[in-house]
Protein backbone atom coordinates (compact mmCIF):
# COMPACT_ATOMS: atom_id res chain seq x y z
CA MET A 1 8.88 -31.54 11.51
CA ASN A 2 11.04 -31.24 8.40
CA LEU A 3 10.10 -28.31 6.21
CA ASP A 4 13.27 -28.40 4.13
CA ASP A 5 11.61 -30.35 1.34
CA LYS A 6 8.87 -27.74 0.86
CA ARG A 7 8.96 -25.97 -2.48
CA ILE A 8 6.38 -23.21 -2.55
CA ALA A 9 4.51 -21.64 -5.46
CA ILE A 10 2.59 -18.43 -4.79
CA ILE A 11 -0.36 -18.02 -7.19
CA GLY A 12 -1.13 -14.32 -7.71
CA LEU A 13 1.40 -11.54 -7.08
CA GLY A 14 -0.67 -8.60 -5.94
CA TYR A 15 -0.83 -6.93 -2.53
CA VAL A 16 -1.08 -10.28 -0.78
CA GLY A 17 0.98 -12.67 -2.85
CA LEU A 18 4.11 -10.61 -3.41
CA PRO A 19 5.03 -9.93 0.27
CA LEU A 20 4.37 -13.62 0.94
CA ALA A 21 6.60 -14.71 -1.93
CA ILE A 22 9.42 -12.46 -0.71
CA GLU A 23 9.35 -13.73 2.88
CA PHE A 24 9.08 -17.40 1.93
CA GLY A 25 11.77 -16.83 -0.72
CA LYS A 26 14.28 -15.96 2.01
CA LYS A 27 14.01 -19.49 3.47
CA TYR A 28 12.54 -21.78 0.78
CA LYS A 29 12.60 -22.43 -2.94
CA VAL A 30 9.74 -20.23 -4.14
CA LEU A 31 8.08 -19.50 -7.47
CA GLY A 32 6.01 -16.35 -7.75
CA PHE A 33 3.38 -17.10 -10.40
CA ASP A 34 1.06 -14.65 -12.13
CA ILE A 35 -0.81 -14.87 -15.43
CA ASN A 36 0.09 -11.23 -16.13
CA GLN A 37 3.40 -11.34 -17.97
CA ALA A 38 3.90 -7.58 -17.60
CA ARG A 39 3.69 -8.01 -13.82
CA ILE A 40 6.31 -10.78 -13.98
CA GLU A 41 8.71 -8.62 -15.98
CA GLU A 42 8.16 -5.70 -13.60
CA LEU A 43 9.07 -7.83 -10.58
CA LYS A 44 12.07 -9.41 -12.28
CA SER A 45 13.42 -5.90 -12.77
CA GLY A 46 13.03 -5.19 -9.04
CA ARG A 47 10.04 -2.85 -9.35
CA ASP A 48 6.61 -3.04 -7.69
CA ARG A 49 3.76 -0.75 -8.74
CA THR A 50 1.71 -1.68 -5.65
CA ASN A 51 4.36 -0.20 -3.34
CA GLU A 52 3.78 -3.11 -0.97
CA ALA A 53 7.06 -4.92 -1.50
CA ASP A 54 10.20 -4.49 0.51
CA LEU A 55 12.37 -3.90 -2.55
CA GLU A 56 15.58 -4.78 -0.70
CA GLY A 57 13.94 -8.01 0.46
CA LEU A 58 12.76 -8.67 -3.08
CA GLN A 59 16.26 -8.28 -4.47
CA PHE A 60 17.72 -10.38 -1.65
CA ALA A 61 15.32 -13.27 -2.31
CA MET A 62 15.97 -13.13 -6.06
CA ASN A 63 19.73 -13.09 -5.50
CA LEU A 64 19.43 -16.23 -3.37
CA ALA A 65 17.77 -18.00 -6.30
CA ASN A 66 20.68 -17.06 -8.52
CA GLU A 67 23.14 -18.52 -6.02
CA SER A 68 21.31 -21.72 -5.09
CA ASP A 69 18.80 -24.17 -6.47
CA LYS A 70 17.38 -24.91 -3.00
CA VAL A 71 16.30 -21.45 -1.82
CA GLY A 72 15.28 -18.09 -3.25
CA LEU A 73 12.58 -16.46 -5.33
CA LYS A 74 11.93 -16.78 -9.04
CA PHE A 75 9.00 -15.52 -11.13
CA SER A 76 7.05 -17.04 -14.00
CA SER A 77 3.78 -16.88 -15.94
CA LYS A 78 4.25 -20.35 -17.46
CA VAL A 79 2.00 -23.07 -15.97
CA GLU A 80 4.54 -25.80 -16.71
CA ASP A 81 6.99 -24.12 -14.30
CA LEU A 82 4.67 -25.04 -11.42
CA ASN A 83 5.28 -28.76 -11.80
CA SER A 84 8.36 -28.94 -9.59
CA TYR A 85 6.64 -27.48 -6.49
CA ASN A 86 4.67 -29.25 -3.75
CA VAL A 87 3.00 -26.45 -1.77
CA TYR A 88 0.74 -24.02 -3.63
CA ILE A 89 -0.56 -20.85 -1.97
CA VAL A 90 -3.47 -19.15 -3.78
CA THR A 91 -3.79 -15.38 -3.31
CA VAL A 92 -6.01 -14.38 -6.23
CA PRO A 93 -8.77 -11.73 -5.82
CA THR A 94 -12.29 -12.64 -4.73
CA PRO A 95 -14.50 -9.73 -5.86
CA ILE A 96 -18.27 -9.31 -6.03
CA ASP A 97 -20.34 -8.94 -9.20
CA LYS A 98 -22.78 -6.16 -10.08
CA PHE A 99 -25.46 -7.93 -8.03
CA LYS A 100 -23.23 -7.91 -4.89
CA ALA A 101 -22.83 -11.67 -5.11
CA PRO A 102 -19.46 -13.44 -4.71
CA ASP A 103 -17.51 -13.80 -7.94
CA LEU A 104 -15.38 -16.92 -7.51
CA THR A 105 -14.17 -16.95 -11.12
CA PRO A 106 -10.48 -16.10 -10.36
CA LEU A 107 -10.44 -18.59 -7.46
CA LEU A 108 -11.99 -21.44 -9.45
CA GLN A 109 -9.77 -20.76 -12.46
CA ALA A 110 -6.71 -20.93 -10.23
CA SER A 111 -8.03 -24.19 -8.73
CA GLN A 112 -8.60 -25.63 -12.21
CA MET A 113 -5.05 -24.72 -13.21
CA LEU A 114 -3.59 -26.29 -10.06
CA GLY A 115 -5.70 -29.40 -10.53
CA LYS A 116 -3.70 -30.08 -13.70
CA VAL A 117 -0.43 -29.58 -11.85
CA ILE A 118 -0.64 -31.11 -8.36
CA ALA A 119 0.72 -34.53 -7.55
CA LYS A 120 0.30 -37.00 -4.67
CA GLY A 121 1.26 -35.49 -1.33
CA ASP A 122 0.91 -31.86 -2.45
CA ILE A 123 -0.78 -29.17 -0.36
CA VAL A 124 -2.93 -26.34 -1.73
CA ILE A 125 -3.35 -23.43 0.70
CA TYR A 126 -5.90 -20.70 0.02
CA GLU A 127 -5.48 -17.16 1.34
CA SER A 128 -8.18 -15.43 -0.70
CA THR A 129 -11.10 -14.13 1.38
CA VAL A 130 -14.14 -16.39 0.97
CA TYR A 131 -17.28 -17.45 2.82
CA PRO A 132 -17.06 -20.35 5.29
CA GLY A 133 -17.09 -23.64 3.43
CA CYS A 134 -15.80 -22.29 0.11
CA THR A 135 -12.46 -24.12 0.15
CA GLU A 136 -13.91 -27.57 0.74
CA GLU A 137 -17.25 -27.14 -1.05
CA ASP A 138 -16.21 -25.13 -4.12
CA CYS A 139 -12.45 -25.37 -4.64
CA VAL A 140 -11.73 -28.99 -3.64
CA PRO A 141 -14.17 -30.52 -6.19
CA VAL A 142 -12.42 -28.55 -8.94
CA LEU A 143 -9.02 -29.78 -7.75
CA GLU A 144 -10.29 -33.38 -7.63
CA LYS A 145 -11.89 -33.19 -11.06
CA HIS A 146 -8.82 -31.90 -12.88
CA SER A 147 -6.20 -33.82 -10.93
CA ARG A 148 -8.09 -37.13 -10.72
CA LEU A 149 -6.72 -37.34 -7.18
CA GLU A 150 -8.68 -37.90 -3.98
CA PHE A 151 -8.90 -35.16 -1.38
CA ASN A 152 -7.24 -35.97 1.95
CA GLN A 153 -5.83 -39.17 0.48
CA ASP A 154 -3.70 -37.98 -2.40
CA PHE A 155 -3.60 -34.21 -1.83
CA TYR A 156 -4.49 -31.84 1.00
CA CYS A 157 -5.70 -28.30 1.55
CA GLY A 158 -5.16 -25.50 4.02
CA TYR A 159 -6.57 -22.06 4.58
CA SER A 160 -4.75 -19.07 6.04
CA PRO A 161 -6.60 -15.78 5.57
CA GLU A 162 -4.57 -12.83 4.32
CA ARG A 163 -4.33 -9.89 6.72
CA ILE A 164 -2.35 -7.45 4.63
CA ASN A 165 -3.24 -3.81 5.28
CA PRO A 166 -2.40 -1.98 2.00
CA GLY A 167 -0.21 1.06 2.46
CA ASP A 168 0.69 0.16 6.06
CA LYS A 169 4.46 0.16 6.49
CA VAL A 170 4.27 -0.64 10.22
CA ASN A 171 1.90 -3.62 10.42
CA THR A 172 3.50 -5.64 7.65
CA LEU A 173 3.09 -9.34 6.82
CA THR A 174 5.50 -10.76 9.39
CA LYS A 175 4.22 -8.51 12.18
CA ILE A 176 0.58 -9.63 11.96
CA LYS A 177 -0.42 -12.86 13.70
CA LYS A 178 -1.42 -15.46 11.11
CA VAL A 179 -4.46 -17.71 11.38
CA THR A 180 -3.78 -21.15 9.90
CA SER A 181 -5.73 -24.36 9.26
CA GLY A 182 -5.52 -27.65 7.41
CA SER A 183 -7.81 -30.33 6.04
CA THR A 184 -6.43 -32.94 8.47
CA PRO A 185 -4.81 -32.52 11.90
CA GLU A 186 -1.43 -33.51 10.44
CA ILE A 187 -1.69 -31.06 7.53
CA ALA A 188 -2.92 -28.32 9.87
CA GLU A 189 0.32 -28.72 11.80
CA VAL A 190 2.40 -28.60 8.61
CA VAL A 191 0.62 -25.43 7.43
CA ASP A 192 1.00 -23.83 10.86
CA GLN A 193 4.71 -24.63 11.08
CA LEU A 194 5.26 -23.38 7.54
CA TYR A 195 3.81 -19.95 8.32
CA GLU A 196 5.38 -19.84 11.77
CA SER A 197 8.78 -20.08 10.09
CA ILE A 198 8.32 -16.61 8.54
CA ILE A 199 5.74 -14.83 10.75
CA THR A 200 7.53 -13.25 13.71
CA ALA A 201 4.21 -12.30 15.35
CA GLY A 202 3.33 -15.98 15.58
CA THR A 203 0.39 -18.07 14.39
CA HIS A 204 -3.01 -19.22 15.60
CA LYS A 205 -4.02 -22.70 14.47
CA ALA A 206 -7.77 -22.80 13.94
CA PRO A 207 -9.58 -26.13 14.56
CA SER A 208 -10.90 -26.31 10.98
CA ILE A 209 -10.72 -24.67 7.58
CA LYS A 210 -14.27 -23.38 7.99
CA VAL A 211 -13.37 -21.65 11.25
CA ALA A 212 -10.37 -19.96 9.60
CA GLU A 213 -12.53 -18.84 6.67
CA ALA A 214 -15.18 -17.46 9.02
CA SER A 215 -12.60 -15.59 11.11
CA LYS A 216 -11.53 -13.56 8.10
CA ALA A 217 -15.07 -12.85 6.97
CA ILE A 218 -16.10 -11.46 10.36
CA GLU A 219 -12.94 -9.36 10.81
CA ASN A 220 -13.98 -7.06 8.01
CA ALA A 221 -17.72 -7.39 8.62
CA GLN A 222 -17.23 -6.17 12.19
CA ARG A 223 -15.24 -3.14 11.03
CA ASP A 224 -17.82 -2.45 8.33
CA VAL A 225 -20.70 -2.46 10.82
CA ASN A 226 -18.82 -0.21 13.25
CA ILE A 227 -18.05 2.34 10.55
CA SER A 228 -21.64 2.19 9.30
CA PHE A 229 -22.78 3.20 12.79
CA VAL A 230 -20.71 6.40 12.79
CA ASN A 231 -21.68 7.04 9.16
CA GLU A 232 -25.32 6.88 10.17
CA LEU A 233 -24.56 9.25 13.03
CA ALA A 234 -23.05 11.63 10.45
CA LEU A 235 -26.31 11.53 8.47
CA ILE A 236 -28.32 12.28 11.63
CA PHE A 237 -26.04 15.00 12.98
CA ASP A 238 -25.93 16.72 9.60
CA ARG A 239 -29.68 17.28 9.93
CA MET A 240 -29.14 18.63 13.42
CA GLY A 241 -26.44 21.03 12.29
CA ILE A 242 -23.77 19.65 14.62
CA ASP A 243 -20.31 18.37 13.75
CA THR A 244 -19.99 14.58 13.92
CA ASN A 245 -16.31 14.68 14.79
CA ASP A 246 -16.99 17.02 17.73
CA VAL A 247 -19.51 14.51 19.04
CA LEU A 248 -17.10 11.59 18.59
CA GLU A 249 -14.29 13.45 20.35
CA ALA A 250 -16.54 14.12 23.32
CA ALA A 251 -17.82 10.53 23.46
CA GLY A 252 -14.27 9.22 22.99
CA THR A 253 -13.24 10.55 26.39
CA LYS A 254 -14.80 7.40 27.89
CA TRP A 255 -12.29 4.56 28.07
CA ASN A 256 -14.45 1.94 26.35
CA PHE A 257 -15.79 4.04 23.46
CA LEU A 258 -14.67 2.69 20.06
CA LYS A 259 -13.05 5.54 18.13
CA TYR A 260 -14.25 4.96 14.60
CA ARG A 261 -14.63 7.85 12.15
CA PRO A 262 -17.16 8.37 9.34
CA GLY A 263 -16.00 8.00 5.74
CA LEU A 264 -16.19 6.17 2.44
CA VAL A 265 -15.82 2.42 2.96
CA GLY A 266 -14.44 0.72 -0.13
CA GLY A 267 -11.48 -1.39 -1.10
CA HIS A 268 -11.14 -5.07 -1.88
CA CYS A 269 -11.85 -6.23 1.69
CA ILE A 270 -14.16 -4.22 3.95
CA GLY A 271 -16.46 -3.16 1.11
CA VAL A 272 -16.66 -6.72 -0.25
CA ASP A 273 -16.25 -9.37 2.48
CA PRO A 274 -19.57 -8.71 4.28
CA TYR A 275 -21.39 -9.67 1.08
CA TYR A 276 -19.59 -13.05 1.10
CA LEU A 277 -20.78 -13.71 4.65
CA ALA A 278 -24.31 -12.53 3.83
CA TYR A 279 -24.40 -14.72 0.71
CA LYS A 280 -23.55 -17.82 2.71
CA ALA A 281 -26.06 -16.95 5.42
CA GLU A 282 -28.85 -16.50 2.86
CA SER A 283 -27.97 -19.82 1.20
CA LEU A 284 -28.62 -21.43 4.60
CA GLY A 285 -32.01 -19.77 4.95
CA TYR A 286 -31.01 -16.91 7.25
CA ASN A 287 -31.49 -13.31 6.16
CA PRO A 288 -28.76 -11.27 7.89
CA GLN A 289 -30.03 -7.98 9.29
CA VAL A 290 -27.11 -6.15 10.89
CA ILE A 291 -24.48 -6.99 8.25
CA LEU A 292 -26.56 -5.87 5.27
CA SER A 293 -27.96 -2.79 6.97
CA GLY A 294 -24.40 -1.66 7.62
CA ARG A 295 -23.51 -2.24 3.98
CA ARG A 296 -26.51 -0.19 2.81
CA VAL A 297 -25.46 2.78 4.94
CA ASN A 298 -21.83 2.62 3.79
CA ASP A 299 -22.71 2.10 0.13
CA ASN A 300 -24.74 5.32 0.13
CA MET A 301 -22.16 7.63 1.71
CA GLY A 302 -20.70 8.72 -1.62
CA LEU A 303 -24.13 9.91 -2.76
CA PHE A 304 -24.59 11.78 0.50
CA VAL A 305 -21.26 13.58 0.12
CA ALA A 306 -21.99 14.62 -3.47
CA ASN A 307 -25.44 15.90 -2.58
CA LYS A 308 -24.11 17.77 0.45
CA VAL A 309 -21.45 19.47 -1.69
CA VAL A 310 -24.04 20.54 -4.27
CA LYS A 311 -26.29 21.98 -1.55
CA LEU A 312 -23.37 23.99 -0.14
CA MET A 313 -22.59 25.30 -3.63
CA ILE A 314 -26.20 26.39 -4.13
CA GLN A 315 -26.13 28.16 -0.76
CA LYS A 316 -23.11 30.13 -1.98
CA GLY A 317 -24.85 31.09 -5.19
CA ILE A 318 -22.75 28.90 -7.50
CA THR A 319 -24.41 27.76 -10.73
CA ILE A 320 -24.24 23.98 -10.64
CA LYS A 321 -24.36 23.03 -14.32
CA GLY A 322 -20.89 23.45 -15.79
CA ALA A 323 -19.25 24.24 -12.44
CA ARG A 324 -15.74 22.88 -12.03
CA ALA A 325 -15.04 20.36 -9.27
CA LEU A 326 -11.80 18.78 -8.08
CA LEU A 327 -11.59 15.43 -6.31
CA LEU A 328 -8.37 15.13 -4.30
CA GLY A 329 -7.70 11.40 -4.28
CA VAL A 330 -9.38 8.42 -5.92
CA THR A 331 -7.74 5.38 -4.29
CA PHE A 332 -9.70 3.48 -1.66
CA LYS A 333 -7.36 4.60 1.15
CA GLU A 334 -4.49 6.97 1.88
CA ASN A 335 -0.90 6.59 0.62
CA CYS A 336 -1.84 3.57 -1.46
CA PRO A 337 -2.27 3.14 -5.24
CA ASP A 338 -5.13 0.61 -4.97
CA ILE A 339 -8.30 1.79 -6.74
CA ARG A 340 -10.31 -1.43 -6.35
CA ASN A 341 -13.89 -0.76 -5.24
CA SER A 342 -13.06 2.83 -4.36
CA LYS A 343 -16.17 4.67 -3.18
CA VAL A 344 -14.71 7.95 -4.38
CA LEU A 345 -16.10 6.86 -7.74
CA ASP A 346 -19.63 7.15 -6.28
CA VAL A 347 -18.94 10.81 -5.46
CA TYR A 348 -17.52 11.36 -8.95
CA ASN A 349 -20.47 9.77 -10.76
CA GLU A 350 -23.05 11.65 -8.71
CA LEU A 351 -21.37 15.01 -9.34
CA ILE A 352 -21.25 14.22 -13.06
CA GLN A 353 -25.00 13.56 -13.00
CA PHE A 354 -25.54 16.99 -11.45
CA GLY A 355 -23.81 18.47 -14.48
CA LEU A 356 -20.48 19.38 -12.87
CA ASP A 357 -17.20 19.20 -14.76
CA VAL A 358 -15.10 16.97 -12.48
CA ASP A 359 -11.30 16.65 -12.41
CA VAL A 360 -9.53 13.92 -10.43
CA TYR A 361 -6.04 14.42 -9.00
CA ASP A 362 -4.16 11.62 -7.26
CA PRO A 363 -0.34 11.30 -7.13
CA HIS A 364 -0.61 7.66 -6.00
CA ALA A 365 -3.10 6.22 -8.49
CA ASP A 366 -2.10 4.78 -11.85
CA SER A 367 -3.66 6.88 -14.62
CA LYS A 368 -3.71 4.04 -17.14
CA GLU A 369 -5.35 1.62 -14.68
CA LEU A 370 -7.98 4.19 -13.67
CA SER A 371 -8.81 4.91 -17.29
CA CYS A 372 -9.02 1.21 -18.15
CA GLU A 373 -11.16 0.26 -15.13
CA TYR A 374 -13.46 3.27 -14.84
CA GLY A 375 -12.98 5.43 -17.94
CA ILE A 376 -11.65 8.32 -15.83
CA SER A 377 -8.51 10.29 -16.61
CA LEU A 378 -6.25 11.74 -13.95
CA ILE A 379 -5.04 15.30 -14.29
CA ALA A 380 -1.38 16.15 -13.81
CA ASN A 381 -1.87 19.66 -12.47
CA PRO A 382 -5.00 21.06 -10.75
CA ILE A 383 -6.29 24.47 -11.90
CA LYS A 384 -9.03 26.66 -10.37
CA TYR A 385 -12.32 25.20 -9.14
CA ASP A 386 -15.75 26.05 -7.79
CA THR A 387 -15.53 23.18 -5.32
CA VAL A 388 -12.66 21.07 -3.98
CA ILE A 389 -13.38 17.77 -2.24
CA LEU A 390 -10.65 16.09 -0.21
CA ALA A 391 -11.60 12.44 -0.66
CA VAL A 392 -8.42 10.58 0.35
CA ALA A 393 -6.00 11.54 3.12
CA HIS A 394 -2.77 11.22 1.14
CA ASP A 395 0.19 12.85 2.88
CA GLU A 396 0.55 15.18 -0.10
CA PHE A 397 -2.87 16.71 0.59
CA VAL A 398 -2.47 17.41 4.30
CA HIS A 399 -0.41 20.57 3.82
CA MET A 400 -1.65 21.53 0.36
CA ASN A 401 -2.46 25.22 -0.09
CA LEU A 402 -6.13 24.94 -1.05
CA SER A 403 -6.51 28.69 -1.56
CA GLU A 404 -4.51 28.31 -4.78
CA LEU A 405 -7.23 26.00 -6.11
CA LYS A 406 -10.16 28.35 -5.49
CA ASN A 407 -11.88 29.88 -8.50
CA SER A 408 -13.37 32.50 -6.17
CA GLU A 409 -13.98 33.14 -2.48
CA ASN A 410 -17.28 31.28 -2.87
CA CYS A 411 -15.44 28.03 -3.65
CA VAL A 412 -16.80 25.16 -1.53
CA ILE A 413 -14.16 23.08 0.30
CA PHE A 414 -15.43 19.74 1.62
CA ASP A 415 -13.27 17.45 3.75
CA ILE A 416 -14.44 13.83 3.71
CA LYS A 417 -11.50 12.66 5.86
CA SER A 418 -11.64 15.48 8.46
CA ILE A 419 -7.91 16.21 8.26
CA LEU A 420 -7.99 19.87 7.19
CA ASP A 421 -8.12 22.98 9.35
CA ARG A 422 -11.77 23.69 10.11
CA ASN A 423 -11.27 27.33 9.23
CA GLN A 424 -10.39 26.29 5.67
CA ILE A 425 -13.47 24.21 4.93
CA ASP A 426 -17.20 24.58 4.38
CA GLY A 427 -18.18 21.09 5.47
CA ARG A 428 -16.95 17.64 6.45
CA LEU A 429 -18.33 14.23 7.38
């Protein structure tokens, strides 16, 4: 199969799209497209605020484009620059709205844009996490409408779910096996071969687009349910006065025990994808029990943490109203600047409602982005506090001298991530 004629445009240059653009750019002519011009300028200068890119690889791919017209990576925010490409890979976000329902707006807008660009023979591959059936039932009609082309006659589609783990420098794009699929057997093979050319871990060709979509949805739903189980255990064991992590360590001595830990479950995948699966199930007349019960438990953990901290403060005789609190970390996971759907915000908002004066310190988060998205300002230097809550396990926090942050000996230290010395803390999940 000849892949030499493939010219690839990556739509969306976030955590998913950028690493993909870099790797494809080493072997193919690639355009990294994003509607955010500031993002385009940032990447052209060799910088990446997400910290996901291999900057040497980025520079290498861009240099190739300067040396040849047949290979290498360029960037643009101009729609007309997409016209000379024949494979389009969509990596835009798929969030949920305030009612926990799928918000397909970015996906459908990208499809509308591509519908005005694609020509006969072109392939549109979606990587955004969706519910099974979304590509063919929601995206394809938009492509057909705006292109006036017929699906599987004039143009084709594929689906290859993203598996990027933000902040993970070990399990990177090329080292994670890639699920692929296509709208016809022939296109499925083309899509599979295309990804196989850059993914050293290999590929798995799913029998249909729906199967590939479902595989991604259940990956995160499974993890969500497993974490919800240990989170519920934490709620039970708290009432018993026993340490959840002690219980898990004891149970973990059996070879087949799954070693999950309690915590805040947010982010753009695990905290979102189960709702996509549930939405589809409900549209088919089935009310999912396990998936949604797990979500309910996980969605309430921030409230539990805040209430637990306040109770510990009361036990130490601290006046709650006007007390100073410090949240160490606000991103959804450690060593990563991503604040999307961070459940640390639930802790913050609940403490505010109790009347505490809350500071947020995070060396990885972008202060401007946090302020714009949530109206919260980051502090540059922590002071003295009545309670300190370690919310995110950034490397910078592991060896931090917490005694320097205490307003008094009565200061409550709560460790959500269970990474601190037990002798230093008053409570943990």
